[in-house]
Structure formats: structure tokens, C-alpha cells
C-alpha atoms as a PDB file:
ATOM      1  CA  UNK A   1     -11.499 -24.920   2.652  1.00  0.00           C
ATOM      2  CA  UNK A   2     -11.610 -22.478  -0.250  1.00  0.00           C
ATOM      3  CA  UNK A   3      -8.648 -21.976  -2.571  1.00  0.00           C
ATOM      4  CA  UNK A   4      -9.702 -18.371  -3.207  1.00  0.00           C
ATOM      5  CA  UNK A   5      -7.102 -15.800  -2.251  1.00  0.00           C
ATOM      6  CA  UNK A   6      -8.600 -13.209   0.108  1.00  0.00           C
ATOM      7  CA  UNK A   7      -7.301  -9.789   1.189  1.00  0.00           C
ATOM      8  CA  UNK A   8      -7.468 -10.996   4.794  1.00  0.00           C
ATOM      9  CA  UNK A   9      -4.866 -13.670   3.952  1.00  0.00           C
ATOM     10  CA  UNK A  10      -2.410 -10.890   3.071  1.00  0.00           C
ATOM     11  CA  UNK A  11      -2.942  -8.795   6.189  1.00  0.00           C
ATOM     12  CA  UNK A  12       0.343  -7.701   7.710  1.00  0.00           C
ATOM     13  CA  UNK A  13       0.596  -5.658  10.895  1.00  0.00           C
ATOM     14  CA  UNK A  14       3.929  -4.269  11.982  1.00  0.00           C
ATOM     15  CA  UNK A  15       4.664  -2.153  15.061  1.00  0.00           C
ATOM     16  CA  UNK A  16       7.785  -0.065  15.618  1.00  0.00           C
ATOM     17  CA  UNK A  17       8.876   2.188  18.484  1.00  0.00           C
ATOM     18  CA  UNK A  18      10.202   5.597  17.421  1.00  0.00           C
ATOM     19  CA  UNK A  19      13.786   5.728  18.718  1.00  0.00           C
ATOM     20  CA  UNK A  20      16.074   8.794  18.861  1.00  0.00           C
ATOM     21  CA  UNK A  21      17.919   7.721  15.681  1.00  0.00           C
ATOM     22  CA  UNK A  22      14.537   7.688  13.841  1.00  0.00           C
ATOM     23  CA  UNK A  23      13.810  11.364  14.534  1.00  0.00           C
ATOM     24  CA  UNK A  24      14.526  14.766  13.035  1.00  0.00           C
ATOM     25  CA  UNK A  25      15.848  17.744  15.075  1.00  0.00           C
ATOM     26  CA  UNK A  26      12.292  18.460  16.299  1.00  0.00           C
ATOM     27  CA  UNK A  27      12.011  14.996  17.849  1.00  0.00           C
ATOM     28  CA  UNK A  28       9.516  13.724  15.281  1.00  0.00           C
ATOM     29  CA  UNK A  29       9.785  10.621  13.129  1.00  0.00           C
ATOM     30  CA  UNK A  30      11.630  11.199   9.830  1.00  0.00           C
ATOM     31  CA  UNK A  31       9.256  10.840   6.883  1.00  0.00           C
ATOM     32  CA  UNK A  32      11.821   8.698   5.093  1.00  0.00           C
ATOM     33  CA  UNK A  33      12.006   6.265   8.004  1.00  0.00           C
ATOM     34  CA  UNK A  34       8.217   5.949   8.013  1.00  0.00           C
ATOM     35  CA  UNK A  35       8.209   5.287   4.261  1.00  0.00           C
ATOM     36  CA  UNK A  36      10.865   2.591   4.760  1.00  0.00           C
ATOM     37  CA  UNK A  37       8.678   0.879   7.366  1.00  0.00           C
ATOM     38  CA  UNK A  38       5.621   1.213   5.111  1.00  0.00           C
ATOM     39  CA  UNK A  39       7.492  -0.301   2.174  1.00  0.00           C
ATOM     40  CA  UNK A  40       8.698  -3.183   4.325  1.00  0.00           C
ATOM     41  CA  UNK A  41       5.202  -3.944   5.669  1.00  0.00           C
ATOM     42  CA  UNK A  42       3.521  -3.695   2.265  1.00  0.00           C
ATOM     43  CA  UNK A  43       6.203  -5.902   0.667  1.00  0.00           C
ATOM     44  CA  UNK A  44       5.481  -8.602   3.245  1.00  0.00           C
ATOM     45  CA  UNK A  45       1.770  -8.375   2.396  1.00  0.00           C
ATOM     46  CA  UNK A  46       2.477  -8.656  -1.346  1.00  0.00           C
ATOM     47  CA  UNK A  47       4.846 -11.578  -0.743  1.00  0.00           C
ATOM     48  CA  UNK A  48       2.206 -13.401   1.308  1.00  0.00           C
ATOM     49  CA  UNK A  49      -0.118 -13.205  -1.681  1.00  0.00           C
ATOM     50  CA  UNK A  50       2.297 -13.891  -4.534  1.00  0.00           C
ATOM     51  CA  UNK A  51       4.609 -16.333  -2.749  1.00  0.00           C
ATOM     52  CA  UNK A  52       7.381 -14.739  -4.810  1.00  0.00           C
ATOM     53  CA  UNK A  53      10.048 -12.067  -4.716  1.00  0.00           C
ATOM     54  CA  UNK A  54       8.382  -8.649  -5.020  1.00  0.00           C
ATOM     55  CA  UNK A  55       9.699  -5.207  -5.911  1.00  0.00           C
ATOM     56  CA  UNK A  56       8.124  -1.813  -5.331  1.00  0.00           C
ATOM     57  CA  UNK A  57       6.942  -0.197  -8.563  1.00  0.00           C
ATOM     58  CA  UNK A  58       5.130   2.870  -7.244  1.00  0.00           C
ATOM     59  CA  UNK A  59       3.825   4.624  -4.165  1.00  0.00           C
ATOM     60  CA  UNK A  60       0.702   6.796  -4.388  1.00  0.00           C
ATOM     61  CA  UNK A  61      -0.865   9.359  -2.146  1.00  0.00           C
ATOM     62  CA  UNK A  62       1.657   9.546   0.662  1.00  0.00           C
ATOM     63  CA  UNK A  63       0.827  12.469   2.911  1.00  0.00           C
ATOM     64  CA  UNK A  64       2.061  13.098   6.408  1.00  0.00           C
ATOM     65  CA  UNK A  65      -1.117  14.124   8.241  1.00  0.00           C
ATOM     66  CA  UNK A  66       0.140  14.143  11.819  1.00  0.00           C
ATOM     67  CA  UNK A  67       3.560  14.219  13.378  1.00  0.00           C
ATOM     68  CA  UNK A  68       4.787  11.122  15.159  1.00  0.00           C
ATOM     69  CA  UNK A  69       6.756  11.844  18.315  1.00  0.00           C
ATOM     70  CA  UNK A  70       9.782  10.158  19.827  1.00  0.00           C
ATOM     71  CA  UNK A  71       8.744   7.139  21.898  1.00  0.00           C
ATOM     72  CA  UNK A  72       5.464   6.633  20.053  1.00  0.00           C
ATOM     73  CA  UNK A  73       4.385   3.220  18.829  1.00  0.00           C
ATOM     74  CA  UNK A  74       3.828   3.197  15.062  1.00  0.00           C
ATOM     75  CA  UNK A  75       1.475   0.491  13.812  1.00  0.00           C
ATOM     76  CA  UNK A  76       1.320  -0.172  10.092  1.00  0.00           C
ATOM     77  CA  UNK A  77      -1.378  -2.346   8.531  1.00  0.00           C
ATOM     78  CA  UNK A  78      -1.141  -3.593   4.942  1.00  0.00           C
ATOM     79  CA  UNK A  79      -3.462  -5.638   2.709  1.00  0.00           C
ATOM     80  CA  UNK A  80      -3.419  -6.516  -0.978  1.00  0.00           C
ATOM     81  CA  UNK A  81      -6.470  -4.780  -2.484  1.00  0.00           C
ATOM     82  CA  UNK A  82      -6.315  -6.040  -6.064  1.00  0.00           C
ATOM     83  CA  UNK A  83      -4.105  -7.964  -8.422  1.00  0.00           C
ATOM     84  CA  UNK A  84      -3.426  -7.453 -12.087  1.00  0.00           C
ATOM     85  CA  UNK A  85      -1.420  -9.725 -14.375  1.00  0.00           C
ATOM     86  CA  UNK A  86       1.948  -9.482 -12.583  1.00  0.00           C
ATOM     87  CA  UNK A  87       1.289  -6.644 -10.149  1.00  0.00           C
ATOM     88  CA  UNK A  88      -0.511  -6.098  -6.870  1.00  0.00           C
ATOM     89  CA  UNK A  89      -1.868  -2.977  -5.199  1.00  0.00           C
ATOM     90  CA  UNK A  90      -1.369  -2.851  -1.426  1.00  0.00           C
ATOM     91  CA  UNK A  91      -3.224  -0.409   0.848  1.00  0.00           C
ATOM     92  CA  UNK A  92      -1.352   0.823   3.926  1.00  0.00           C
ATOM     93  CA  UNK A  93      -2.683   2.564   7.040  1.00  0.00           C
ATOM     94  CA  UNK A  94      -0.410   4.055   9.697  1.00  0.00           C
ATOM     95  CA  UNK A  95      -1.393   4.720  13.303  1.00  0.00           C
ATOM     96  CA  UNK A  96       0.616   6.454  16.024  1.00  0.00           C
ATOM     97  CA  UNK A  97       0.068   5.611  19.669  1.00  0.00           C
ATOM     98  CA  UNK A  98       1.478   7.788  22.445  1.00  0.00           C
ATOM     99  CA  UNK A  99       1.187   5.713  25.618  1.00  0.00           C
ATOM    100  CA  UNK A 100       1.897   8.470  28.216  1.00  0.00           C
ATOM    101  CA  UNK A 101      -0.670  10.771  26.550  1.00  0.00           C
ATOM    102  CA  UNK A 102      -3.120   7.881  25.978  1.00  0.00           C
ATOM    103  CA  UNK A 103      -3.666   8.890  22.337  1.00  0.00           C
ATOM    104  CA  UNK A 104      -3.932   6.904  19.120  1.00  0.00           C
ATOM    105  CA  UNK A 105      -4.294   8.710  15.798  1.00  0.00           C
ATOM    106  CA  UNK A 106      -4.244   7.794  12.132  1.00  0.00           C
ATOM    107  CA  UNK A 107      -1.198   9.461  10.624  1.00  0.00           C
ATOM    108  CA  UNK A 108      -0.915   8.230   7.092  1.00  0.00           C
ATOM    109  CA  UNK A 109      -2.245   6.012   4.349  1.00  0.00           C
ATOM    110  CA  UNK A 110      -0.936   5.133   0.910  1.00  0.00           C
ATOM    111  CA  UNK A 111      -1.172   2.708  -1.970  1.00  0.00           C
ATOM    112  CA  UNK A 112       1.894   0.721  -3.002  1.00  0.00           C
ATOM    113  CA  UNK A 113       2.238  -1.256  -6.216  1.00  0.00           C
ATOM    114  CA  UNK A 114       4.460  -4.330  -6.368  1.00  0.00           C
ATOM    115  CA  UNK A 115       5.443  -6.674  -9.173  1.00  0.00           C
ATOM    116  CA  UNK A 116       6.130 -10.354  -8.501  1.00  0.00           C
ATOM    117  CA  UNK A 117       9.385 -11.715  -9.941  1.00  0.00           C
ATOM    118  CA  UNK A 118      10.932 -15.107 -10.502  1.00  0.00           C
ATOM    119  CA  UNK A 119      14.504 -15.933  -9.445  1.00  0.00           C
ATOM    120  CA  UNK A 120      15.827 -14.312 -12.665  1.00  0.00           C
ATOM    121  CA  UNK A 121      14.017 -11.015 -12.081  1.00  0.00           C
ATOM    122  CA  UNK A 122      11.352 -11.672 -14.710  1.00  0.00           C
ATOM    123  CA  UNK A 123       7.774 -10.616 -13.865  1.00  0.00           C
ATOM    124  CA  UNK A 124       5.473 -13.554 -13.180  1.00  0.00           C
ATOM    125  CA  UNK A 125       1.671 -13.819 -13.017  1.00  0.00           C
ATOM    126  CA  UNK A 126      -0.045 -13.464  -9.645  1.00  0.00           C
ATOM    127  CA  UNK A 127      -3.302 -15.064  -8.573  1.00  0.00           C
ATOM    128  CA  UNK A 128      -6.486 -13.034  -8.504  1.00  0.00           C
ATOM    129  CA  UNK A 129      -7.640 -11.743  -5.138  1.00  0.00           C
ATOM    130  CA  UNK A 130     -11.290 -12.078  -4.079  1.00  0.00           C
ATOM    131  CA  UNK A 131     -12.740  -9.463  -1.694  1.00  0.00           C
ATOM    132  CA  UNK A 132     -15.013 -10.699   1.100  1.00  0.00           C
ATOM    133  CA  UNK A 133     -16.336  -7.548   2.776  1.00  0.00           C
ATOM    134  CA  UNK A 134     -17.988  -4.392   1.421  1.00  0.00           C
ATOM    135  CA  UNK A 135     -14.911  -2.406   2.461  1.00  0.00           C
ATOM    136  CA  UNK A 136     -12.578  -4.797   0.617  1.00  0.00           C
ATOM    137  CA  UNK A 137     -14.872  -4.595  -2.419  1.00  0.00           C
ATOM    138  CA  UNK A 138     -14.694  -0.764  -2.424  1.00  0.00           C
ATOM    139  CA  UNK A 139     -10.884  -0.888  -2.313  1.00  0.00           C
ATOM    140  CA  UNK A 140     -10.899  -3.544  -5.044  1.00  0.00           C
ATOM    141  CA  UNK A 141     -13.240  -1.519  -7.290  1.00  0.00           C
ATOM    142  CA  UNK A 142     -11.220   1.673  -6.817  1.00  0.00           C
ATOM    143  CA  UNK A 143      -7.939  -0.055  -7.636  1.00  0.00           C
ATOM    144  CA  UNK A 144      -8.613  -0.102 -11.379  1.00  0.00           C
ATOM    145  CA  UNK A 145      -9.089   3.686 -11.401  1.00  0.00           C
ATOM    146  CA  UNK A 146      -5.987   4.249  -9.276  1.00  0.00           C
ATOM    147  CA  UNK A 147      -4.019   2.004 -11.633  1.00  0.00           C
ATOM    148  CA  UNK A 148      -5.226   3.913 -14.679  1.00  0.00           C
ATOM    149  CA  UNK A 149      -4.214   7.224 -13.072  1.00  0.00           C
ATOM    150  CA  UNK A 150      -0.737   5.802 -12.343  1.00  0.00           C
ATOM    151  CA  UNK A 151      -0.380   4.575 -15.919  1.00  0.00           C
ATOM    152  CA  UNK A 152      -1.572   7.880 -17.412  1.00  0.00           C
ATOM    153  CA  UNK A 153       0.736   9.948 -15.194  1.00  0.00           C
ATOM    154  CA  UNK A 154       3.610   7.586 -16.006  1.00  0.00           C
ATOM    155  CA  UNK A 155       3.001   7.988 -19.743  1.00  0.00           C
ATOM    156  CA  UNK A 156       2.116   4.301 -20.172  1.00  0.00           C
ATOM    157  CA  UNK A 157      -1.558   4.824 -21.025  1.00  0.00           C
ATOM    158  CA  UNK A 158      -3.495   7.416 -22.997  1.00  0.00           C
ATOM    159  CA  UNK A 159      -6.487   9.057 -21.324  1.00  0.00           C
ATOM    160  CA  UNK A 160      -8.769   7.848 -24.109  1.00  0.00           C
ATOM    161  CA  UNK A 161      -7.748   4.253 -23.332  1.00  0.00           C
ATOM    162  CA  UNK A 162      -8.615   4.548 -19.621  1.00  0.00           C
ATOM    163  CA  UNK A 163     -12.132   3.126 -19.678  1.00  0.00           C
ATOM    164  CA  UNK A 164     -12.819   3.695 -15.979  1.00  0.00           C
ATOM    165  CA  UNK A 165     -11.553   7.311 -16.092  1.00  0.00           C
ATOM    166  CA  UNK A 166     -12.519   8.339 -19.602  1.00  0.00           C
ATOM    167  CA  UNK A 167     -15.709  10.163 -18.599  1.00  0.00           C
ATOM    168  CA  UNK A 168     -13.761  12.387 -16.202  1.00  0.00           C
ATOM    169  CA  UNK A 169     -11.530  13.744 -18.977  1.00  0.00           C
ATOM    170  CA  UNK A 170     -13.312  13.300 -22.301  1.00  0.00           C
ATOM    171  CA  UNK A 171     -16.866  14.265 -23.226  1.00  0.00           C
ATOM    172  CA  UNK A 172     -18.298  11.800 -25.725  1.00  0.00           C
END
């Protein structure tokens, strides 16, 4: 058996039923409730990989593409896509299933970033993740660019230092 850490080892699937207390006045799932569920699912995925306490550092690209109605099943799938020194990127997909209408639609996707911590709250190193499939490799390869965008927008990196993004912003 291989000791390599794979994205498939971090897969977390969570299903919730939209209850009346989860909805807004229009009978649709509150966006904040969905984000709570997404954070919970992605944290479990990051914890599976790091075997440590994790905290959410950032959430990218959350968009609410389709409404989710009362009574729908919401399925959230999370996988670690890439690791850095102490952080992990987790990709989330959200599906809504309306049983009476026999419909299942993708409603949302996002990227979460987590940092692994020790019992004192100090960041700790995480093991590298090794993609197996072409799809996992694409997510892995894109993670460095997404990370650089996050760091630039957060003021923690200069554009000229973002090797993967440099050509998009600076003409040499």
C-alpha cells in the first residue's frame, strides 16, 4: 500500500435536507446556511488530510447559481486539491435534488483554504497531496494560480512575484 496522500482519501460527501428554519421568506435555502454546510464539509476534508485542527482562511468564488427549495436534498462534495506548507485548498461542489420534481442540479462550487494548527494554535506543516486522475491534476495545477490571486488580492504578494500569473499582468 502506498503512503502517498491522494485527493480521493480526503473526499467528504455530506447531505442535508432543507428544513423550514433553513429558508428565507421565499422558501429557498439561506445562502449563509449553505455556506455553513460548505465550510463544515470542507473542514472535514482538510482534517482527513492533515490529521490536525484546521481553520478556514479564505473562501473563493462563491456564487449562488440556482435556488434551493424547501425540502430539497443538498449534497456537498469536498476534496483537498493541493497543499502548501501549512495550508490546503479544498474544492467544493454543491448539488440540489428535488425528489418530487425528479430533478438534480449543480447549484454552487467554491474553493476553501484551510490552515492546519497544533493544539496551541500554531500553524503546522501538512503533507503533500498527489493527484491520481487528469481531473485531479487540473485542479492541482490551477491551485497555484488561485493561491497567487488570493495572496495578491490580500496584499500578501506583489504581482511581479507571482510567477504563474506574471504574464497576465506584466509584459516583459
